[in-house]
């Protein structure tokens, strides 16, 4: 499962990344709502703008590079959010915020 939060969830995102789910119920601690996925066992986070249900397609690179290849099997999006400022982790506590809209005229027919 890949859950895509918005900027409004930044404090929860950092908190979740700094604790272990083996010791803490992250949903309870950070006030989030688990929602059942339809294809995989991991829960969606209801407060996230979007979620991608994924299955592990290839785990051969995990031991050497800690790298999984995933297959997206279902996507969810909160259509009520009109201009999402999605939050993307870039590593070492650095995040990028997407959301600026650029409209370019298309010549496609």
PDB file of N, CA and C in Angstrom:
ATOM      1  N   UNK A   1       0.847  -1.164   0.000  1.00  0.00           N
ATOM      2  CA  UNK A   1       0.000   0.000   0.000  1.00  0.00           C
ATOM      3  C   UNK A   1       0.899   1.236   0.000  1.00  0.00           C
ATOM      4  N   UNK A   2       0.600   2.156  -0.880  1.00  0.00           N
ATOM      5  CA  UNK A   2       1.265   3.455  -0.885  1.00  0.00           C
ATOM      6  C   UNK A   2       0.174   4.478  -0.654  1.00  0.00           C
ATOM      7  N   UNK A   3       0.265   5.178   0.483  1.00  0.00           N
ATOM      8  CA  UNK A   3      -0.700   6.231   0.799  1.00  0.00           C
ATOM      9  C   UNK A   3      -0.042   7.573   0.508  1.00  0.00           C
ATOM     10  N   UNK A   4      -0.765   8.470  -0.153  1.00  0.00           N
ATOM     11  CA  UNK A   4      -0.211   9.763  -0.560  1.00  0.00           C
ATOM     12  C   UNK A   4      -0.902  10.862   0.240  1.00  0.00           C
ATOM     13  N   UNK A   5      -0.192  11.417   1.235  1.00  0.00           N
ATOM     14  CA  UNK A   5      -0.779  12.452   2.084  1.00  0.00           C
ATOM     15  C   UNK A   5      -0.649  13.837   1.461  1.00  0.00           C
ATOM     16  N   UNK A   6      -1.380  14.777   2.034  1.00  0.00           N
ATOM     17  CA  UNK A   6      -1.243  16.176   1.650  1.00  0.00           C
ATOM     18  C   UNK A   6      -0.447  16.903   2.734  1.00  0.00           C
ATOM     19  N   UNK A   7      -0.103  18.138   2.454  1.00  0.00           N
ATOM     20  CA  UNK A   7       0.694  18.957   3.361  1.00  0.00           C
ATOM     21  C   UNK A   7       0.065  19.037   4.754  1.00  0.00           C
ATOM     22  N   UNK A   8      -1.259  18.991   4.831  1.00  0.00           N
ATOM     23  CA  UNK A   8      -1.945  19.073   6.123  1.00  0.00           C
ATOM     24  C   UNK A   8      -1.568  17.927   7.065  1.00  0.00           C
ATOM     25  N   UNK A   9      -1.079  16.835   6.532  1.00  0.00           N
ATOM     26  CA  UNK A   9      -0.705  15.676   7.349  1.00  0.00           C
ATOM     27  C   UNK A   9       0.796  15.612   7.637  1.00  0.00           C
ATOM     28  N   UNK A  10       1.528  16.673   7.372  1.00  0.00           N
ATOM     29  CA  UNK A  10       2.993  16.650   7.488  1.00  0.00           C
ATOM     30  C   UNK A  10       3.467  16.221   8.873  1.00  0.00           C
ATOM     31  N   UNK A  11       2.877  16.742   9.941  1.00  0.00           N
ATOM     32  CA  UNK A  11       3.320  16.377  11.294  1.00  0.00           C
ATOM     33  C   UNK A  11       3.077  14.898  11.568  1.00  0.00           C
ATOM     34  N   UNK A  12       1.934  14.389  11.122  1.00  0.00           N
ATOM     35  CA  UNK A  12       1.658  12.962  11.307  1.00  0.00           C
ATOM     36  C   UNK A  12       2.630  12.112  10.491  1.00  0.00           C
ATOM     37  N   UNK A  13       2.935  12.537   9.264  1.00  0.00           N
ATOM     38  CA  UNK A  13       3.854  11.789   8.406  1.00  0.00           C
ATOM     39  C   UNK A  13       5.215  11.648   9.084  1.00  0.00           C
ATOM     40  N   UNK A  14       5.738  12.725   9.619  1.00  0.00           N
ATOM     41  CA  UNK A  14       7.041  12.684  10.289  1.00  0.00           C
ATOM     42  C   UNK A  14       6.957  11.804  11.534  1.00  0.00           C
ATOM     43  N   UNK A  15       5.904  11.953  12.315  1.00  0.00           N
ATOM     44  CA  UNK A  15       5.742  11.134  13.514  1.00  0.00           C
ATOM     45  C   UNK A  15       5.658   9.657  13.189  1.00  0.00           C
ATOM     46  N   UNK A  16       4.901   9.313  12.168  1.00  0.00           N
ATOM     47  CA  UNK A  16       4.755   7.918  11.751  1.00  0.00           C
ATOM     48  C   UNK A  16       6.100   7.344  11.315  1.00  0.00           C
ATOM     49  N   UNK A  17       6.886   8.148  10.615  1.00  0.00           N
ATOM     50  CA  UNK A  17       8.182   7.679  10.138  1.00  0.00           C
ATOM     51  C   UNK A  17       9.209   7.527  11.242  1.00  0.00           C
ATOM     52  N   UNK A  18       8.935   8.111  12.402  1.00  0.00           N
ATOM     53  CA  UNK A  18       9.899   8.076  13.502  1.00  0.00           C
ATOM     54  C   UNK A  18       9.500   7.132  14.632  1.00  0.00           C
ATOM     55  N   UNK A  19       8.556   6.221  14.371  1.00  0.00           N
ATOM     56  CA  UNK A  19       8.202   5.234  15.384  1.00  0.00           C
ATOM     57  C   UNK A  19       7.920   3.892  14.709  1.00  0.00           C
ATOM     58  N   UNK A  20       7.952   2.846  15.504  1.00  0.00           N
ATOM     59  CA  UNK A  20       7.764   1.493  14.985  1.00  0.00           C
ATOM     60  C   UNK A  20       6.331   1.029  15.188  1.00  0.00           C
ATOM     61  N   UNK A  21       5.745   0.480  14.134  1.00  0.00           N
ATOM     62  CA  UNK A  21       4.412  -0.090  14.230  1.00  0.00           C
ATOM     63  C   UNK A  21       4.376  -1.346  15.087  1.00  0.00           C
ATOM     64  N   UNK A  22       5.532  -1.911  15.392  1.00  0.00           N
ATOM     65  CA  UNK A  22       5.586  -3.065  16.287  1.00  0.00           C
ATOM     66  C   UNK A  22       5.319  -2.662  17.733  1.00  0.00           C
ATOM     67  N   UNK A  23       5.591  -1.382  18.056  1.00  0.00           N
ATOM     68  CA  UNK A  23       5.445  -0.899  19.433  1.00  0.00           C
ATOM     69  C   UNK A  23       4.264   0.042  19.617  1.00  0.00           C
ATOM     70  N   UNK A  24       3.774   0.625  18.528  1.00  0.00           N
ATOM     71  CA  UNK A  24       2.757   1.677  18.602  1.00  0.00           C
ATOM     72  C   UNK A  24       1.649   1.407  17.589  1.00  0.00           C
ATOM     73  N   UNK A  25       0.414   1.631  17.992  1.00  0.00           N
ATOM     74  CA  UNK A  25      -0.696   1.635  17.039  1.00  0.00           C
ATOM     75  C   UNK A  25      -0.668   3.016  16.388  1.00  0.00           C
ATOM     76  N   UNK A  26      -0.092   3.093  15.211  1.00  0.00           N
ATOM     77  CA  UNK A  26       0.101   4.387  14.560  1.00  0.00           C
ATOM     78  C   UNK A  26      -1.222   5.082  14.235  1.00  0.00           C
ATOM     79  N   UNK A  27      -2.245   4.322  13.873  1.00  0.00           N
ATOM     80  CA  UNK A  27      -3.541   4.936  13.582  1.00  0.00           C
ATOM     81  C   UNK A  27      -4.073   5.646  14.821  1.00  0.00           C
ATOM     82  N   UNK A  28      -4.029   4.989  15.966  1.00  0.00           N
ATOM     83  CA  UNK A  28      -4.534   5.584  17.208  1.00  0.00           C
ATOM     84  C   UNK A  28      -3.672   6.766  17.644  1.00  0.00           C
ATOM     85  N   UNK A  29      -2.354   6.577  17.634  1.00  0.00           N
ATOM     86  CA  UNK A  29      -1.443   7.627  18.116  1.00  0.00           C
ATOM     87  C   UNK A  29      -1.537   8.907  17.293  1.00  0.00           C
ATOM     88  N   UNK A  30      -1.739   8.773  15.979  1.00  0.00           N
ATOM     89  CA  UNK A  30      -1.719   9.954  15.125  1.00  0.00           C
ATOM     90  C   UNK A  30      -3.100  10.363  14.627  1.00  0.00           C
ATOM     91  N   UNK A  31      -4.145   9.776  15.183  1.00  0.00           N
ATOM     92  CA  UNK A  31      -5.515  10.180  14.868  1.00  0.00           C
ATOM     93  C   UNK A  31      -5.922   9.923  13.433  1.00  0.00           C
ATOM     94  N   UNK A  32      -5.509   8.786  12.897  1.00  0.00           N
ATOM     95  CA  UNK A  32      -5.832   8.453  11.512  1.00  0.00           C
ATOM     96  C   UNK A  32      -6.843   7.311  11.463  1.00  0.00           C
ATOM     97  N   UNK A  33      -7.536   7.201  10.342  1.00  0.00           N
ATOM     98  CA  UNK A  33      -8.602   6.222  10.186  1.00  0.00           C
ATOM     99  C   UNK A  33      -8.205   5.142   9.190  1.00  0.00           C
ATOM    100  N   UNK A  34      -8.081   3.877   9.661  1.00  0.00           N
ATOM    101  CA  UNK A  34      -7.798   2.798   8.713  1.00  0.00           C
ATOM    102  C   UNK A  34      -9.054   2.447   7.924  1.00  0.00           C
ATOM    103  N   UNK A  35      -8.882   2.215   6.646  1.00  0.00           N
ATOM    104  CA  UNK A  35      -9.986   1.833   5.768  1.00  0.00           C
ATOM    105  C   UNK A  35      -9.571   0.571   5.013  1.00  0.00           C
ATOM    106  N   UNK A  36     -10.479  -0.365   4.892  1.00  0.00           N
ATOM    107  CA  UNK A  36     -10.153  -1.639   4.242  1.00  0.00           C
ATOM    108  C   UNK A  36      -9.846  -1.449   2.764  1.00  0.00           C
ATOM    109  N   UNK A  37      -8.761  -2.063   2.346  1.00  0.00           N
ATOM    110  CA  UNK A  37      -8.425  -2.116   0.926  1.00  0.00           C
ATOM    111  C   UNK A  37      -9.198  -3.275   0.307  1.00  0.00           C
ATOM    112  N   UNK A  38      -9.330  -3.273  -0.997  1.00  0.00           N
ATOM    113  CA  UNK A  38     -10.111  -4.335  -1.637  1.00  0.00           C
ATOM    114  C   UNK A  38      -9.248  -5.470  -2.189  1.00  0.00           C
ATOM    115  N   UNK A  39      -7.971  -5.198  -2.461  1.00  0.00           N
ATOM    116  CA  UNK A  39      -7.121  -6.190  -3.114  1.00  0.00           C
ATOM    117  C   UNK A  39      -5.997  -6.724  -2.231  1.00  0.00           C
ATOM    118  N   UNK A  40      -5.546  -5.949  -1.240  1.00  0.00           N
ATOM    119  CA  UNK A  40      -4.422  -6.352  -0.391  1.00  0.00           C
ATOM    120  C   UNK A  40      -4.812  -6.228   1.076  1.00  0.00           C
ATOM    121  N   UNK A  41      -3.983  -6.764   1.962  1.00  0.00           N
ATOM    122  CA  UNK A  41      -4.292  -6.782   3.390  1.00  0.00           C
ATOM    123  C   UNK A  41      -3.992  -5.463   4.110  1.00  0.00           C
ATOM    124  N   UNK A  42      -3.076  -4.668   3.619  1.00  0.00           N
ATOM    125  CA  UNK A  42      -2.713  -3.418   4.291  1.00  0.00           C
ATOM    126  C   UNK A  42      -3.843  -2.411   4.191  1.00  0.00           C
ATOM    127  N   UNK A  43      -4.068  -1.607   5.246  1.00  0.00           N
ATOM    128  CA  UNK A  43      -5.160  -0.630   5.210  1.00  0.00           C
ATOM    129  C   UNK A  43      -4.805   0.653   4.463  1.00  0.00           C
ATOM    130  N   UNK A  44      -5.828   1.259   3.889  1.00  0.00           N
ATOM    131  CA  UNK A  44      -5.704   2.612   3.356  1.00  0.00           C
ATOM    132  C   UNK A  44      -5.792   3.562   4.541  1.00  0.00           C
ATOM    133  N   UNK A  45      -5.291   4.759   4.371  1.00  0.00           N
ATOM    134  CA  UNK A  45      -5.445   5.810   5.377  1.00  0.00           C
ATOM    135  C   UNK A  45      -6.489   6.772   4.834  1.00  0.00           C
ATOM    136  N   UNK A  46      -7.635   6.831   5.496  1.00  0.00           N
ATOM    137  CA  UNK A  46      -8.770   7.612   4.993  1.00  0.00           C
ATOM    138  C   UNK A  46      -8.429   9.088   4.805  1.00  0.00           C
ATOM    139  N   UNK A  47      -7.542   9.634   5.613  1.00  0.00           N
ATOM    140  CA  UNK A  47      -7.201  11.055   5.540  1.00  0.00           C
ATOM    141  C   UNK A  47      -6.254  11.390   4.396  1.00  0.00           C
ATOM    142  N   UNK A  48      -5.693  10.384   3.747  1.00  0.00           N
ATOM    143  CA  UNK A  48      -4.774  10.640   2.630  1.00  0.00           C
ATOM    144  C   UNK A  48      -5.552  10.997   1.368  1.00  0.00           C
ATOM    145  N   UNK A  49      -4.939  11.820   0.541  1.00  0.00           N
ATOM    146  CA  UNK A  49      -5.554  12.223  -0.719  1.00  0.00           C
ATOM    147  C   UNK A  49      -5.718  11.040  -1.672  1.00  0.00           C
ATOM    148  N   UNK A  50      -4.707  10.187  -1.733  1.00  0.00           N
ATOM    149  CA  UNK A  50      -4.749   9.053  -2.652  1.00  0.00           C
ATOM    150  C   UNK A  50      -4.049   7.857  -2.030  1.00  0.00           C
ATOM    151  N   UNK A  51      -4.398   6.684  -2.522  1.00  0.00           N
ATOM    152  CA  UNK A  51      -3.758   5.448  -2.082  1.00  0.00           C
ATOM    153  C   UNK A  51      -3.620   4.518  -3.278  1.00  0.00           C
ATOM    154  N   UNK A  52      -2.532   3.781  -3.299  1.00  0.00           N
ATOM    155  CA  UNK A  52      -2.297   2.787  -4.342  1.00  0.00           C
ATOM    156  C   UNK A  52      -2.164   1.429  -3.672  1.00  0.00           C
ATOM    157  N   UNK A  53      -3.070   0.531  -3.997  1.00  0.00           N
ATOM    158  CA  UNK A  53      -2.949  -0.838  -3.498  1.00  0.00           C
ATOM    159  C   UNK A  53      -1.930  -1.527  -4.385  1.00  0.00           C
ATOM    160  N   UNK A  54      -0.939  -2.157  -3.757  1.00  0.00           N
ATOM    161  CA  UNK A  54       0.142  -2.797  -4.507  1.00  0.00           C
ATOM    162  C   UNK A  54       0.424  -4.193  -3.979  1.00  0.00           C
ATOM    163  N   UNK A  55       0.868  -5.037  -4.888  1.00  0.00           N
ATOM    164  CA  UNK A  55       1.389  -6.357  -4.536  1.00  0.00           C
ATOM    165  C   UNK A  55       2.881  -6.364  -4.857  1.00  0.00           C
ATOM    166  N   UNK A  56       3.641  -7.120  -4.080  1.00  0.00           N
ATOM    167  CA  UNK A  56       5.064  -7.268  -4.367  1.00  0.00           C
ATOM    168  C   UNK A  56       5.190  -8.152  -5.604  1.00  0.00           C
ATOM    169  N   UNK A  57       5.763  -7.602  -6.657  1.00  0.00           N
ATOM    170  CA  UNK A  57       5.930  -8.336  -7.916  1.00  0.00           C
ATOM    171  C   UNK A  57       7.292  -9.010  -7.992  1.00  0.00           C
ATOM    172  N   UNK A  58       8.291  -8.402  -7.332  1.00  0.00           N
ATOM    173  CA  UNK A  58       9.650  -8.952  -7.392  1.00  0.00           C
ATOM    174  C   UNK A  58      10.406  -8.490  -6.155  1.00  0.00           C
ATOM    175  N   UNK A  59      10.933  -9.427  -5.397  1.00  0.00           N
ATOM    176  CA  UNK A  59      11.679  -9.107  -4.179  1.00  0.00           C
ATOM    177  C   UNK A  59      13.141  -9.541  -4.279  1.00  0.00           C
ATOM    178  N   UNK A  60      13.614  -9.838  -5.474  1.00  0.00           N
ATOM    179  CA  UNK A  60      14.989 -10.332  -5.640  1.00  0.00           C
ATOM    180  C   UNK A  60      16.052  -9.317  -5.242  1.00  0.00           C
ATOM    181  N   UNK A  61      15.742  -8.038  -5.278  1.00  0.00           N
ATOM    182  CA  UNK A  61      16.737  -7.007  -4.975  1.00  0.00           C
ATOM    183  C   UNK A  61      16.679  -6.518  -3.529  1.00  0.00           C
ATOM    184  N   UNK A  62      15.827  -7.124  -2.723  1.00  0.00           N
ATOM    185  CA  UNK A  62      15.644  -6.647  -1.347  1.00  0.00           C
ATOM    186  C   UNK A  62      16.912  -6.808  -0.517  1.00  0.00           C
ATOM    187  N   UNK A  63      17.507  -7.976  -0.503  1.00  0.00           N
ATOM    188  CA  UNK A  63      18.681  -8.206   0.342  1.00  0.00           C
ATOM    189  C   UNK A  63      19.869  -7.336  -0.040  1.00  0.00           C
ATOM    190  N   UNK A  64      20.042  -7.111  -1.307  1.00  0.00           N
ATOM    191  CA  UNK A  64      21.212  -6.345  -1.765  1.00  0.00           C
ATOM    192  C   UNK A  64      20.986  -4.831  -1.726  1.00  0.00           C
ATOM    193  N   UNK A  65      19.761  -4.377  -2.129  1.00  0.00           N
ATOM    194  CA  UNK A  65      19.517  -2.938  -2.272  1.00  0.00           C
ATOM    195  C   UNK A  65      18.333  -2.422  -1.452  1.00  0.00           C
ATOM    196  N   UNK A  66      17.646  -3.318  -0.715  1.00  0.00           N
ATOM    197  CA  UNK A  66      16.435  -2.944   0.009  1.00  0.00           C
ATOM    198  C   UNK A  66      15.414  -2.346  -0.965  1.00  0.00           C
ATOM    199  N   UNK A  67      15.243  -3.011  -2.101  1.00  0.00           N
ATOM    200  CA  UNK A  67      14.429  -2.500  -3.206  1.00  0.00           C
ATOM    201  C   UNK A  67      13.381  -3.530  -3.600  1.00  0.00           C
ATOM    202  N   UNK A  68      12.128  -3.131  -3.549  1.00  0.00           N
ATOM    203  CA  UNK A  68      11.007  -3.964  -3.968  1.00  0.00           C
ATOM    204  C   UNK A  68      10.455  -3.437  -5.290  1.00  0.00           C
ATOM    205  N   UNK A  69       9.990  -4.318  -6.142  1.00  0.00           N
ATOM    206  CA  UNK A  69       9.244  -3.914  -7.331  1.00  0.00           C
ATOM    207  C   UNK A  69       7.788  -4.239  -7.057  1.00  0.00           C
ATOM    208  N   UNK A  70       6.942  -3.233  -7.131  1.00  0.00           N
ATOM    209  CA  UNK A  70       5.532  -3.383  -6.811  1.00  0.00           C
ATOM    210  C   UNK A  70       4.671  -3.343  -8.066  1.00  0.00           C
ATOM    211  N   UNK A  71       3.535  -3.993  -7.982  1.00  0.00           N
ATOM    212  CA  UNK A  71       2.533  -3.948  -9.045  1.00  0.00           C
ATOM    213  C   UNK A  71       1.299  -3.250  -8.475  1.00  0.00           C
ATOM    214  N   UNK A  72       0.933  -2.130  -9.062  1.00  0.00           N
ATOM    215  CA  UNK A  72      -0.280  -1.440  -8.638  1.00  0.00           C
ATOM    216  C   UNK A  72      -1.502  -2.223  -9.091  1.00  0.00           C
ATOM    217  N   UNK A  73      -2.421  -2.520  -8.158  1.00  0.00           N
ATOM    218  CA  UNK A  73      -3.602  -3.303  -8.512  1.00  0.00           C
ATOM    219  C   UNK A  73      -4.905  -2.512  -8.365  1.00  0.00           C
ATOM    220  N   UNK A  74      -4.854  -1.394  -7.652  1.00  0.00           N
ATOM    221  CA  UNK A  74      -6.040  -0.545  -7.518  1.00  0.00           C
ATOM    222  C   UNK A  74      -5.600   0.824  -7.013  1.00  0.00           C
ATOM    223  N   UNK A  75      -6.272   1.855  -7.461  1.00  0.00           N
ATOM    224  CA  UNK A  75      -5.959   3.221  -7.030  1.00  0.00           C
ATOM    225  C   UNK A  75      -7.194   3.878  -6.445  1.00  0.00           C
ATOM    226  N   UNK A  76      -6.973   4.674  -5.434  1.00  0.00           N
ATOM    227  CA  UNK A  76      -8.048   5.415  -4.767  1.00  0.00           C
ATOM    228  C   UNK A  76      -7.661   6.886  -4.731  1.00  0.00           C
ATOM    229  N   UNK A  77      -8.644   7.768  -4.895  1.00  0.00           N
ATOM    230  CA  UNK A  77      -8.387   9.206  -4.809  1.00  0.00           C
ATOM    231  C   UNK A  77      -9.604   9.875  -4.179  1.00  0.00           C
ATOM    232  N   UNK A  78      -9.350  10.892  -3.368  1.00  0.00           N
ATOM    233  CA  UNK A  78     -10.436  11.667  -2.756  1.00  0.00           C
ATOM    234  C   UNK A  78     -10.822  12.764  -3.741  1.00  0.00           C
ATOM    235  N   UNK A  79     -11.875  12.540  -4.491  1.00  0.00           N
ATOM    236  CA  UNK A  79     -12.276  13.486  -5.536  1.00  0.00           C
ATOM    237  C   UNK A  79     -12.820  14.790  -4.964  1.00  0.00           C
ATOM    238  N   UNK A  80     -13.070  14.844  -3.656  1.00  0.00           N
ATOM    239  CA  UNK A  80     -13.544  16.081  -3.032  1.00  0.00           C
ATOM    240  C   UNK A  80     -12.407  17.096  -2.880  1.00  0.00           C
ATOM    241  N   UNK A  81     -11.166  16.619  -2.911  1.00  0.00           N
ATOM    242  CA  UNK A  81     -10.010  17.520  -2.794  1.00  0.00           C
ATOM    243  C   UNK A  81      -9.710  18.068  -4.180  1.00  0.00           C
ATOM    244  N   UNK A  82      -9.864  19.372  -4.332  1.00  0.00           N
ATOM    245  CA  UNK A  82      -9.740  19.988  -5.658  1.00  0.00           C
ATOM    246  C   UNK A  82      -8.311  20.349  -6.040  1.00  0.00           C
ATOM    247  N   UNK A  83      -7.528  20.856  -5.113  1.00  0.00           N
ATOM    248  CA  UNK A  83      -6.154  21.267  -5.420  1.00  0.00           C
ATOM    249  C   UNK A  83      -5.215  20.683  -4.367  1.00  0.00           C
ATOM    250  N   UNK A  84      -4.953  19.377  -4.445  1.00  0.00           N
ATOM    251  CA  UNK A  84      -4.136  18.749  -3.402  1.00  0.00           C
ATOM    252  C   UNK A  84      -2.687  19.201  -3.439  1.00  0.00           C
ATOM    253  N   UNK A  85      -2.160  19.461  -2.250  1.00  0.00           N
ATOM    254  CA  UNK A  85      -0.738  19.747  -2.107  1.00  0.00           C
ATOM    255  C   UNK A  85      -0.121  18.479  -1.537  1.00  0.00           C
ATOM    256  N   UNK A  86       0.181  17.530  -2.417  1.00  0.00           N
ATOM    257  CA  UNK A  86       0.671  16.237  -1.964  1.00  0.00           C
ATOM    258  C   UNK A  86       2.105  16.343  -1.456  1.00  0.00           C
ATOM    259  N   UNK A  87       2.379  15.517  -0.443  1.00  0.00           N
ATOM    260  CA  UNK A  87       3.654  15.550   0.260  1.00  0.00           C
ATOM    261  C   UNK A  87       4.481  14.341  -0.169  1.00  0.00           C
ATOM    262  N   UNK A  88       5.747  14.569  -0.548  1.00  0.00           N
ATOM    263  CA  UNK A  88       6.604  13.512  -1.067  1.00  0.00           C
ATOM    264  C   UNK A  88       7.958  13.542  -0.354  1.00  0.00           C
ATOM    265  N   UNK A  89       8.328  12.440   0.298  1.00  0.00           N
ATOM    266  CA  UNK A  89       9.589  12.369   1.038  1.00  0.00           C
ATOM    267  C   UNK A  89      10.764  12.224   0.078  1.00  0.00           C
ATOM    268  N   UNK A  90      11.756  13.060   0.267  1.00  0.00           N
ATOM    269  CA  UNK A  90      12.946  13.026  -0.599  1.00  0.00           C
ATOM    270  C   UNK A  90      14.153  12.454   0.128  1.00  0.00           C
ATOM    271  N   UNK A  91      13.993  12.149   1.405  1.00  0.00           N
ATOM    272  CA  UNK A  91      15.087  11.571   2.196  1.00  0.00           C
ATOM    273  C   UNK A  91      15.642  12.554   3.199  1.00  0.00           C
ATOM    274  N   UNK A  92      16.148  12.014   4.319  1.00  0.00           N
ATOM    275  CA  UNK A  92      16.793  12.814   5.373  1.00  0.00           C
ATOM    276  C   UNK A  92      15.927  13.958   5.883  1.00  0.00           C
ATOM    277  N   UNK A  93      14.637  13.719   6.030  1.00  0.00           N
ATOM    278  CA  UNK A  93      13.743  14.733   6.580  1.00  0.00           C
ATOM    279  C   UNK A  93      13.370  15.843   5.609  1.00  0.00           C
ATOM    280  N   UNK A  94      13.662  15.664   4.340  1.00  0.00           N
ATOM    281  CA  UNK A  94      13.345  16.667   3.323  1.00  0.00           C
ATOM    282  C   UNK A  94      12.133  16.185   2.525  1.00  0.00           C
ATOM    283  N   UNK A  95      11.169  17.081   2.338  1.00  0.00           N
ATOM    284  CA  UNK A  95       9.947  16.759   1.608  1.00  0.00           C
ATOM    285  C   UNK A  95       9.741  17.752   0.477  1.00  0.00           C
ATOM    286  N   UNK A  96       9.058  17.299  -0.560  1.00  0.00           N
ATOM    287  CA  UNK A  96       8.627  18.183  -1.641  1.00  0.00           C
ATOM    288  C   UNK A  96       7.111  18.259  -1.571  1.00  0.00           C
ATOM    289  N   UNK A  97       6.568  19.416  -1.911  1.00  0.00           N
ATOM    290  CA  UNK A  97       5.123  19.591  -1.932  1.00  0.00           C
ATOM    291  C   UNK A  97       4.713  19.870  -3.367  1.00  0.00           C
ATOM    292  N   UNK A  98       3.862  19.002  -3.906  1.00  0.00           N
ATOM    293  CA  UNK A  98       3.340  19.196  -5.253  1.00  0.00           C
ATOM    294  C   UNK A  98       2.027  19.959  -5.148  1.00  0.00           C
ATOM    295  N   UNK A  99       1.621  20.560  -6.190  1.00  0.00           N
ATOM    296  CA  UNK A  99       0.326  21.205  -6.141  1.00  0.00           C
ATOM    297  C   UNK A  99       0.168  22.416  -7.040  1.00  0.00           C
ATOM    298  N   UNK A 100       1.257  22.987  -7.519  1.00  0.00           N
ATOM    299  CA  UNK A 100       1.129  24.117  -8.433  1.00  0.00           C
ATOM    300  C   UNK A 100       0.560  23.600  -9.751  1.00  0.00           C
ATOM    301  N   UNK A 101      -0.455  24.258 -10.219  1.00  0.00           N
ATOM    302  CA  UNK A 101      -1.098  23.852 -11.467  1.00  0.00           C
ATOM    303  C   UNK A 101      -0.616  24.737 -12.601  1.00  0.00           C
ATOM    304  N   UNK A 102      -0.221  24.103 -13.683  1.00  0.00           N
ATOM    305  CA  UNK A 102       0.215  24.820 -14.880  1.00  0.00           C
ATOM    306  C   UNK A 102      -0.665  24.317 -16.016  1.00  0.00           C
ATOM    307  N   UNK A 103      -1.378  25.208 -16.643  1.00  0.00           N
ATOM    308  CA  UNK A 103      -2.258  24.810 -17.749  1.00  0.00           C
ATOM    309  C   UNK A 103      -1.612  25.237 -19.058  1.00  0.00           C
ATOM    310  N   UNK A 104      -1.356  24.267 -19.915  1.00  0.00           N
ATOM    311  CA  UNK A 104      -0.734  24.538 -21.206  1.00  0.00           C
ATOM    312  C   UNK A 104      -1.707  24.109 -22.306  1.00  0.00           C
ATOM    313  N   UNK A 105      -1.810  24.914 -23.315  1.00  0.00           N
ATOM    314  CA  UNK A 105      -2.706  24.602 -24.414  1.00  0.00           C
ATOM    315  C   UNK A 105      -2.188  23.394 -25.177  1.00  0.00           C
ATOM    316  N   UNK A 106      -3.053  22.447 -25.418  1.00  0.00           N
ATOM    317  CA  UNK A 106      -2.698  21.244 -26.148  1.00  0.00           C
ATOM    318  C   UNK A 106      -3.117  21.361 -27.597  1.00  0.00           C
ATOM    319  N   UNK A 107      -2.312  20.792 -28.497  1.00  0.00           N
ATOM    320  CA  UNK A 107      -2.686  20.763 -29.896  1.00  0.00           C
ATOM    321  C   UNK A 107      -3.212  19.390 -30.308  1.00  0.00           C
ATOM    322  N   UNK A 108      -3.404  18.510 -29.316  1.00  0.00           N
ATOM    323  CA  UNK A 108      -3.912  17.164 -29.590  1.00  0.00           C
ATOM    324  C   UNK A 108      -5.384  17.228 -29.939  1.00  0.00           C
ATOM    325  N   UNK A 109      -5.814  16.341 -30.803  1.00  0.00           N
ATOM    326  CA  UNK A 109      -7.226  16.314 -31.202  1.00  0.00           C
ATOM    327  C   UNK A 109      -7.864  15.022 -30.767  1.00  0.00           C
TER     328      UNK A 109
END
